[in-house]
Protein backbone atom coordinates (compact mmCIF):
# COMPACT_ATOMS: atom_id res chain seq x y z
CA MET A 1 -0.01 0.19 -0.30
CA ALA A 2 3.09 2.03 0.96
CA ARG A 3 4.59 1.43 -2.34
CA ARG A 4 1.74 1.83 -4.49
CA LYS A 5 1.77 5.68 -2.66
CA LYS A 6 4.77 6.44 -3.57
CA THR A 7 4.86 4.93 -7.28
CA SER A 8 1.55 7.14 -7.66
CA SER A 9 3.27 10.93 -5.95
CA PHE A 10 6.36 10.22 -8.37
CA ALA A 11 3.47 10.42 -11.16
CA VAL A 12 2.08 13.11 -10.51
CA LEU A 13 5.60 14.88 -10.36
CA ALA A 14 5.93 13.91 -13.09
CA LEU A 15 3.16 15.25 -15.05
CA ILE A 16 4.38 18.28 -14.05
CA PRO A 17 6.46 19.75 -16.57
CA LEU A 18 4.51 18.53 -19.05
CA LEU A 19 2.04 20.29 -17.17
CA LEU A 20 4.08 23.65 -17.50
CA LEU A 21 5.32 22.73 -21.00
CA ALA A 22 1.53 23.15 -22.35
CA ALA A 23 0.49 25.28 -20.66
CA TYR A 24 3.93 27.83 -22.18
CA VAL A 25 3.31 26.21 -25.66
CA SER A 26 -0.57 27.21 -25.22
CA LYS A 27 0.83 30.77 -24.16
CA GLU A 28 2.98 30.71 -27.02
CA VAL A 29 0.55 29.82 -29.99
CA SER A 30 -2.26 32.91 -28.49
CA GLN A 31 0.33 35.19 -28.61
CA TYR A 32 1.43 34.32 -32.16
CA MET A 33 -2.30 34.25 -33.02
CA GLN A 34 -3.08 37.84 -31.93
CA LYS A 35 0.09 38.73 -33.71
CA ALA A 36 -1.16 37.05 -36.83
CA ARG A 37 -4.49 38.42 -36.89
CA ALA A 38 -2.93 42.60 -35.66
CA ALA A 39 -0.85 41.74 -39.00
CA ALA A 40 -3.52 40.36 -41.49
CA GLU A 41 -5.31 43.45 -41.00
CA ASP A 42 -2.40 46.02 -41.32
CA LEU A 43 -1.95 44.27 -44.26
CA PRO A 44 -3.00 46.94 -47.49
CA LYS A 45 -6.75 46.19 -48.83
CA PRO A 46 -6.92 45.89 -53.03
CA SER A 47 -7.37 48.66 -54.17
CA GLN A 48 -7.69 47.23 -57.99
CA SER A 49 -10.48 44.88 -58.05
CA SER A 50 -12.30 43.51 -54.66
CA PRO A 51 -14.38 40.09 -53.51
CA PRO A 52 -17.62 40.05 -53.15
CA PRO A 53 -18.27 41.90 -50.09
CA LEU A 54 -19.48 39.31 -46.48
CA PRO A 55 -23.63 40.60 -45.78
CA ALA A 56 -23.56 42.77 -42.87
CA ALA A 57 -26.56 42.35 -41.21
CA ALA A 58 -27.42 44.28 -38.19
CA ASN A 59 -26.86 42.78 -34.47
CA SER A 60 -28.75 43.36 -31.78
CA GLY A 61 -27.54 45.76 -29.29
CA GLU A 62 -24.70 46.66 -31.72
CA THR A 63 -23.47 50.91 -31.07
CA SER A 64 -23.41 52.91 -33.77
CA GLU A 65 -19.28 52.86 -34.12
CA VAL A 66 -18.90 49.05 -33.68
CA ALA A 67 -21.44 48.76 -36.89
CA LEU A 68 -19.44 50.98 -38.54
CA LYS A 69 -16.43 49.35 -38.02
CA ARG A 70 -17.69 46.07 -39.59
CA ILE A 71 -19.23 47.70 -42.09
CA LEU A 72 -15.46 49.82 -42.80
CA ASP A 73 -13.68 46.19 -42.61
CA GLN A 74 -15.67 44.67 -44.98
CA HIS A 75 -15.16 47.87 -47.62
CA LEU A 76 -19.22 47.31 -47.94
CA VAL A 77 -19.35 51.37 -48.23
CA ILE A 78 -21.03 53.10 -51.62
CA ASN A 79 -20.11 56.42 -52.49
CA ALA A 80 -23.01 57.07 -54.76
CA HIS A 81 -21.95 61.24 -55.73
CA GLU A 82 -17.95 61.94 -56.63
CA HIS A 83 -16.02 63.58 -59.04
CA VAL A 84 -12.28 62.30 -60.38
CA GLN A 85 -10.18 64.63 -63.16
CA GLY A 86 -9.06 61.53 -64.72
CA LEU A 87 -7.00 58.74 -64.54
CA THR A 88 -3.53 60.10 -62.71
CA THR A 89 -6.34 61.04 -59.75
CA MET A 90 -7.17 57.73 -59.26
CA PRO A 91 -3.96 56.19 -56.96
CA THR A 92 -5.34 58.74 -54.50
CA VAL A 93 -8.18 57.97 -55.05
CA LEU A 94 -7.60 54.55 -53.91
CA GLN A 95 -5.56 54.56 -51.19
CA ALA A 96 -8.10 57.17 -49.46
CA MET A 97 -11.24 54.39 -50.44
CA ASP A 98 -9.07 51.95 -49.10
CA LEU A 99 -8.57 53.62 -45.66
CA HIS A 100 -12.16 53.83 -45.14
CA GLY A 101 -14.28 51.25 -46.64
CA MET A 102 -15.06 52.46 -49.90
CA GLY A 103 -15.89 49.45 -51.96
CA LYS A 104 -17.58 51.29 -54.49
CA MET A 105 -17.62 54.73 -55.60
CA ILE A 106 -20.06 56.45 -58.73
CA LEU A 107 -18.13 58.66 -60.76
CA VAL A 108 -20.28 61.58 -62.24
CA GLY A 109 -18.38 63.55 -65.06
CA SER A 110 -17.67 66.39 -65.17
CA SER A 111 -16.97 70.32 -66.37
CA TRP A 112 -14.26 71.43 -66.96
CA PHE A 113 -15.68 73.81 -64.71
CA THR A 114 -16.34 71.64 -61.85
CA ILE A 115 -12.63 70.59 -62.44
CA THR A 116 -11.22 73.47 -62.02
CA LEU A 117 -13.79 75.86 -60.41
CA ASN A 118 -12.37 78.38 -63.22
CA GLU A 119 -15.60 80.30 -64.78
CA ARG A 120 -13.42 81.08 -67.33
CA VAL A 121 -13.55 77.90 -68.60
CA GLY A 122 -16.93 77.17 -68.62
CA PHE A 123 -19.36 73.40 -69.42
CA THR A 124 -16.09 72.10 -71.55
CA ARG A 125 -14.31 69.06 -71.79
CA TYR A 126 -16.84 67.70 -70.46
CA ASP A 127 -16.53 64.52 -73.36
CA GLU A 128 -13.10 64.41 -71.85
CA ASN A 129 -13.72 64.01 -68.55
CA ASN A 130 -16.27 60.76 -69.76
CA GLU A 131 -13.34 58.89 -71.47
CA GLU A 132 -11.55 59.25 -68.13
CA LEU A 133 -14.09 57.33 -66.35
CA LEU A 134 -15.15 54.78 -69.13
CA LYS A 135 -10.62 54.63 -68.69
CA ILE A 136 -11.24 54.52 -65.04
CA VAL A 137 -14.35 51.60 -64.67
CA GLU A 138 -12.00 49.04 -67.24
CA LYS A 139 -8.29 49.62 -65.03
CA TYR A 140 -10.30 49.09 -61.22
CA PRO A 141 -12.97 46.54 -62.65
CA GLY A 142 -15.54 46.34 -59.40
CA ARG A 143 -14.78 49.65 -57.92
CA PHE A 144 -16.10 52.65 -59.83
CA VAL A 145 -19.15 53.09 -61.62
CA ALA A 146 -19.62 55.46 -64.43
CA TYR A 147 -22.34 58.46 -65.11
CA PRO A 148 -20.61 60.48 -67.91
CA THR A 149 -22.84 63.99 -68.47
CA LEU A 150 -24.74 65.59 -71.30
CA ASP A 151 -24.82 69.23 -73.27
CA PRO A 152 -28.28 69.61 -73.41
CA ASN A 153 -27.99 72.09 -77.16
CA ASP A 154 -25.31 68.87 -78.50
CA PRO A 155 -27.90 67.51 -81.20
CA LEU A 156 -26.49 63.99 -80.40
CA LYS A 157 -26.59 64.02 -76.80
CA LEU A 158 -29.30 60.69 -77.14
CA ASP A 159 -26.54 58.55 -80.02
CA LYS A 160 -23.39 59.86 -77.23
CA LEU A 161 -25.36 58.74 -74.36
CA LYS A 162 -25.85 54.99 -75.93
CA SER A 163 -22.76 54.72 -77.25
CA LEU A 164 -21.09 55.56 -74.04
CA VAL A 165 -23.57 53.13 -72.01
CA GLN A 166 -22.52 50.85 -74.66
CA ARG A 167 -18.78 51.12 -73.26
CA GLY A 168 -19.96 50.77 -70.00
CA ALA A 169 -21.35 53.62 -68.71
CA LYS A 170 -23.88 53.11 -65.64
CA GLY A 171 -26.12 56.34 -65.19
CA VAL A 172 -26.05 59.68 -66.06
CA LYS A 173 -25.49 63.10 -64.67
CA LEU A 174 -27.28 66.48 -65.41
CA TYR A 175 -26.49 70.29 -64.54
CA LEU A 176 -29.80 71.20 -66.11
CA GLY A 177 -30.81 72.67 -62.87
CA HIS A 178 -27.78 73.59 -61.30
CA GLY A 179 -28.42 77.24 -60.45
CA TYR A 180 -24.89 78.51 -60.27
CA THR A 181 -24.82 82.06 -61.79
CA LYS A 182 -21.96 83.31 -64.37
CA ARG A 183 -20.30 87.09 -63.53
CA ASP A 184 -22.15 88.19 -66.57
CA GLY A 185 -25.70 87.35 -64.59
CA GLN A 186 -26.70 84.68 -67.11
CA TYR A 187 -26.72 80.38 -65.51
CA MET A 188 -23.49 78.49 -66.92
CA PHE A 189 -25.84 74.51 -66.76
CA HIS A 190 -29.39 76.04 -67.24
CA VAL A 191 -29.38 76.39 -70.68
CA MET A 192 -33.24 75.42 -70.64
CA ALA A 193 -35.85 74.06 -68.98
CA MET A 194 -35.73 71.01 -67.22
CA ASP A 195 -38.68 69.88 -69.05
CA ASP A 196 -37.58 71.15 -72.94
CA PRO A 197 -38.99 68.77 -75.05
CA ARG A 198 -35.25 68.70 -76.35
CA MET A 199 -34.37 66.75 -73.66
CA PHE A 200 -37.07 64.07 -73.40
CA GLU A 201 -35.65 61.84 -75.73
CA ILE A 202 -33.07 61.23 -72.52
CA TYR A 203 -35.64 61.26 -70.30
CA GLU A 204 -37.36 58.19 -72.20
CA TYR A 205 -33.62 55.84 -73.30
CA CYS A 206 -33.24 56.20 -69.29
CA GLN A 207 -37.09 55.34 -68.27
CA LYS A 208 -37.05 52.76 -70.97
CA GLU A 209 -33.57 51.44 -70.13
CA PHE A 210 -33.44 51.44 -66.43
CA ILE A 211 -31.00 54.12 -66.35
CA PRO A 212 -30.64 55.85 -63.29
CA LEU A 213 -30.14 59.91 -63.83
CA CYS A 214 -27.55 62.12 -61.15
CA PHE A 215 -30.02 65.17 -60.92
CA HIS A 216 -28.43 68.06 -59.16
CA MET A 217 -31.22 70.87 -58.81
CA GLN A 218 -31.52 73.47 -56.47
CA PRO A 219 -35.94 74.13 -56.21
CA PHE A 220 -35.17 77.58 -54.99
CA LYS A 221 -34.57 79.15 -58.60
CA PRO A 222 -37.23 80.76 -59.96
CA GLY A 223 -39.02 77.75 -61.29
CA PHE A 224 -36.47 75.18 -60.74
CA ALA A 225 -38.98 72.96 -58.80
CA GLN A 226 -41.85 73.14 -61.12
CA GLU A 227 -39.66 71.82 -63.80
CA PHE A 228 -38.52 69.50 -62.02
CA ILE A 229 -41.85 68.09 -60.81
CA SER A 230 -43.64 67.95 -64.92
CA VAL A 231 -40.13 65.69 -65.70
CA LEU A 232 -41.17 63.01 -62.87
CA ASN A 233 -44.49 62.97 -63.81
CA ALA A 234 -44.60 62.79 -67.61
CA PHE A 235 -41.47 60.31 -66.52
CA PRO A 236 -43.17 58.27 -63.51
CA ASP A 237 -40.61 55.36 -64.08
CA LEU A 238 -37.47 56.98 -64.07
CA LYS A 239 -35.28 56.84 -60.91
CA VAL A 240 -33.49 59.65 -59.31
CA ASN A 241 -30.86 60.43 -57.03
CA CYS A 242 -31.76 64.60 -56.84
CA PRO A 243 -28.08 64.90 -54.46
CA HIS A 244 -27.77 67.02 -51.59
CA TYR A 245 -31.17 66.23 -49.67
CA MET A 246 -32.15 67.97 -53.19
CA LEU A 247 -30.89 71.25 -51.25
CA SER A 248 -33.37 71.73 -48.95
CA THR A 249 -31.61 71.54 -45.56
CA ILE A 250 -33.25 74.79 -44.59
CA LYS A 251 -37.33 74.17 -45.81
CA GLU A 252 -37.10 69.97 -45.21
CA SER A 253 -41.24 70.28 -45.69
CA ARG A 254 -40.11 71.12 -49.70
CA LEU A 255 -37.67 67.77 -49.03
CA ARG A 256 -40.76 65.37 -48.18
CA GLU A 257 -42.89 67.21 -50.26
CA PHE A 258 -40.59 66.01 -52.99
CA LEU A 259 -40.17 62.11 -51.37
CA ASN A 260 -43.59 61.70 -50.16
CA THR A 261 -44.32 62.39 -54.00
CA PHE A 262 -42.61 60.49 -56.66
CA PRO A 263 -41.57 57.08 -55.14
CA ASN A 264 -38.14 56.92 -57.83
CA LEU A 265 -36.96 60.06 -56.43
CA TYR A 266 -33.45 59.82 -54.12
CA SER A 267 -31.26 60.95 -52.56
CA ASP A 268 -27.76 61.53 -50.99
CA ILE A 269 -26.25 63.27 -48.47
CA SER A 270 -22.94 64.23 -49.98
CA PHE A 271 -23.01 68.87 -49.20
CA GLY A 272 -19.58 68.70 -51.62
CA HIS A 273 -17.39 72.21 -51.16
CA ASP A 274 -16.18 72.94 -48.05
CA ASP A 275 -18.55 76.11 -47.43
CA PHE A 276 -21.22 73.78 -48.28
CA LEU A 277 -20.10 70.50 -46.02
CA ARG A 278 -19.68 73.49 -43.09
CA ASP A 279 -22.46 74.76 -43.22
CA GLY A 280 -24.35 71.04 -43.83
CA LEU A 281 -21.70 69.79 -40.19
CA ARG A 282 -23.70 72.68 -38.07
CA ARG A 283 -27.03 72.87 -39.80
CA ILE A 284 -27.32 69.05 -38.48
CA SER A 285 -25.43 69.77 -35.31
CA ARG A 286 -28.10 72.39 -34.43
CA SER A 287 -31.19 70.15 -35.02
CA PRO A 288 -30.13 66.51 -34.99
CA GLU A 289 -33.37 65.44 -33.56
CA LYS A 290 -34.79 67.14 -37.00
CA PHE A 291 -32.71 64.37 -38.76
CA ARG A 292 -32.62 61.87 -37.17
CA ALA A 293 -36.38 61.34 -37.36
CA LEU A 294 -35.83 62.09 -41.36
CA PHE A 295 -33.73 59.35 -41.79
CA ASN A 296 -36.32 56.84 -40.19
CA ASP A 297 -39.23 58.72 -41.72
CA TYR A 298 -37.50 57.25 -45.15
CA PRO A 299 -35.30 54.59 -44.55
CA GLU A 300 -34.33 53.23 -48.09
CA ARG A 301 -34.57 57.11 -49.98
CA PHE A 302 -30.79 58.32 -48.47
CA MET A 303 -27.19 56.91 -49.67
CA PHE A 304 -23.60 58.33 -49.09
CA GLY A 305 -22.28 60.56 -50.43
CA THR A 306 -19.01 63.00 -50.32
CA ASP A 307 -18.65 64.92 -53.81
CA LEU A 308 -15.45 66.15 -52.79
CA VAL A 309 -14.09 66.90 -56.40
CA MET A 310 -10.73 64.83 -56.55
CA THR A 311 -8.29 66.39 -58.38
CA ASP A 312 -4.04 66.50 -59.09
CA ILE A 313 -3.68 69.60 -57.66
CA PRO A 314 -1.32 68.61 -54.08
CA GLN A 315 -3.85 70.47 -51.33
CA LYS A 316 -6.49 67.38 -52.43
CA SER A 317 -4.08 64.28 -50.65
CA VAL A 318 -5.33 61.51 -49.00
CA GLU A 319 -5.22 63.14 -45.78
CA TRP A 320 -7.71 66.07 -47.39
CA PHE A 321 -10.36 63.14 -48.23
CA SER A 322 -10.01 61.36 -44.92
CA VAL A 323 -11.02 64.80 -43.26
CA ARG A 324 -13.86 65.58 -44.72
CA ALA A 325 -14.67 61.28 -45.20
CA GLN A 326 -14.55 61.15 -41.72
CA ALA A 327 -16.91 63.96 -41.08
CA TYR A 328 -19.43 62.17 -42.09
CA TYR A 329 -18.91 58.55 -40.49
CA ASP A 330 -18.92 60.75 -37.80
CA MET A 331 -21.85 62.35 -38.15
CA LEU A 332 -24.03 59.96 -38.70
CA THR A 333 -23.01 57.50 -35.45
CA GLN A 334 -21.37 59.66 -33.18
CA ALA A 335 -24.08 61.64 -30.62
CA GLU A 336 -21.22 64.86 -30.23
CA TYR A 337 -17.86 65.26 -32.00
CA ASN A 338 -15.05 66.67 -32.80
CA THR A 339 -13.11 66.86 -37.02
CA PRO A 340 -10.18 68.56 -37.72
CA PHE A 341 -12.16 70.25 -40.22
CA LEU A 342 -13.51 73.01 -38.04
CA PRO A 343 -11.15 72.06 -35.12
CA ASN A 344 -12.79 75.11 -32.62
CA GLU A 345 -15.96 73.72 -32.53
CA THR A 346 -18.26 70.88 -30.97
CA PHE A 347 -21.18 69.05 -33.17
CA ARG A 348 -24.16 66.79 -32.50
CA GLY A 349 -24.03 63.68 -34.63
CA LEU A 350 -26.75 61.50 -35.24
CA GLN A 351 -25.84 57.59 -34.28
CA LEU A 352 -28.22 56.43 -36.27
CA PRO A 353 -29.13 52.45 -35.08
CA PRO A 354 -27.18 49.88 -37.26
CA ALA A 355 -29.65 48.77 -39.99
CA LEU A 356 -30.36 52.57 -40.84
CA LEU A 357 -26.52 53.11 -41.32
CA GLU A 358 -26.05 49.83 -43.13
CA ASN A 359 -28.99 51.15 -45.73
CA ILE A 360 -27.93 55.14 -45.61
CA LEU A 361 -23.63 54.39 -46.42
CA PHE A 362 -24.04 51.00 -48.94
CA LYS A 363 -27.97 49.07 -49.33
CA ASN A 364 -30.05 51.63 -50.97
CA TYR A 365 -28.24 52.39 -53.37
CA GLU A 366 -27.47 48.60 -54.23
CA ARG A 367 -32.19 48.85 -54.17
CA PHE A 368 -31.21 51.99 -56.69
CA GLU A 369 -29.28 50.65 -58.97
CA GLN A 370 -31.10 47.24 -58.86
CA LEU A 371 -34.91 49.24 -59.11
CA LYS A 372 -36.57 48.47 -62.45
CA PRO A 373 -39.66 50.92 -62.28
CA VAL A 374 -41.88 50.15 -65.01
CA GLY A 375 -45.85 51.33 -64.40
CA THR A 376 -46.13 53.89 -61.61
CA LYS A 377 -48.30 55.87 -60.65
CA ILE A 378 -48.17 59.10 -59.13
CA THR A 379 -51.64 59.08 -56.50
CA ARG A 380 -50.36 63.23 -55.43
CA LYS A 381 -49.86 66.29 -56.10
CA ILE A 382 -47.90 68.50 -54.62
CA ASN A 383 -48.73 71.00 -52.06
CA TRP A 384 -46.88 74.09 -52.94
CA VAL A 385 -47.56 75.62 -48.36
CA ASN A 386 -44.65 72.77 -47.87
CA MET A 387 -42.00 73.52 -51.01
CA GLY A 388 -41.21 77.31 -50.30
CA VAL A 389 -41.15 78.57 -53.23
CA PRO A 390 -43.98 80.17 -55.12
CA GLU A 391 -45.64 78.36 -58.13
CA LEU A 392 -45.73 80.20 -61.08
CA GLU A 393 -47.08 80.81 -64.07
CA ARG A 394 -45.37 79.20 -66.49
CA GLN A 395 -46.17 76.55 -69.67
CA PRO A 396 -44.71 73.49 -70.60
CA GLY A 397 -40.46 73.95 -71.54
CA GLN A 398 -40.53 77.60 -69.89
CA ALA A 399 -37.82 78.84 -68.17
CA PHE A 400 -37.41 82.16 -66.41
CA PRO A 401 -34.31 83.80 -66.16
CA PRO A 402 -31.77 84.15 -63.32
CA PRO A 403 -32.43 86.26 -60.41
CA PRO A 404 -31.18 89.59 -60.61
CA PRO A 405 -28.11 90.32 -57.62
CA ARG A 406 -29.25 91.05 -54.81
CA ARG A 407 -28.08 95.45 -53.92
CA ARG A 408 -26.32 95.59 -50.97
CA PRO A 409 -27.14 98.59 -47.97
């Protein structure tokens, strides 16, 4: 009996080194796996093409910040509104996209004025930019979608559009309704009414082929809202992104009136130029509950976009893009945030729930892209009390001149 106890004690003592060795090995393996995971996370993301993204789904109890990280880690964000100068700009753009989880970007056609902000060049070189967009789509498959632009006065615009679509274009960017006024007091982009019969062939073709329009429209200019409404009533199956909250963040009732009336009308949340981005972030910060209610009431109608107009000038670097993109993300996900874009201010954000965040960041564009409306019925008329602009006496296709400049007192 004593001999058995002694043998048992020796066996236990003999096992101790083995147990210590197993614990050491387990610790080393755990540390190695942690390092391997960290190294994998630090690897550069693919720039030329991305694998199909994993489906994201809002998890119960997930915070806005955690949901954003999940979406960015999977590179699911779709930027539905951006301009680029051309192929030479793309290394910067791709690096910025990878840094901010943007798997896809919609590139809209640009005039040379849009790229340079030099009024003297006007609405020119858009054909060249269209060609650049198609080259980008071809070189980086899966990362970009081309929405070339057209000159409404071009008698060959429909033939040009058909050719562009055959070569890979998926949408159209129109500047009719853009109210930029030149120094001579005339519109630069709004060369005819949006419902001018010369534009009907474009609308008919896009409606028939389910080609989306990015239709910049400033509803507060004389007659612009009526022209736009006329187009949407005449072509009810046309699917349209009217960007920048339809330039109606000040007059929310107008934005709601548009969305309530036209079921195939969407918007994106881009503000564009720094002056507009500054004003937009401040406006949301003053009334986050109003914008949170807007997204809750129309959960499938708003898409993410930046509209930063990326060019080859050194100022528009990866860091420059990043500061502004992060401001958009913080505005959507934080209760309160600061941004180097406006370093001396503190902003209130929307802190949107994960499901709504997913919709805005990528799902709503996917719905918009796949939408094929047929037989849409417009069941209500615009209530002009909600529009914030007067309903003017006009004939179909009639355009009004720009309002006279305000005189300084």
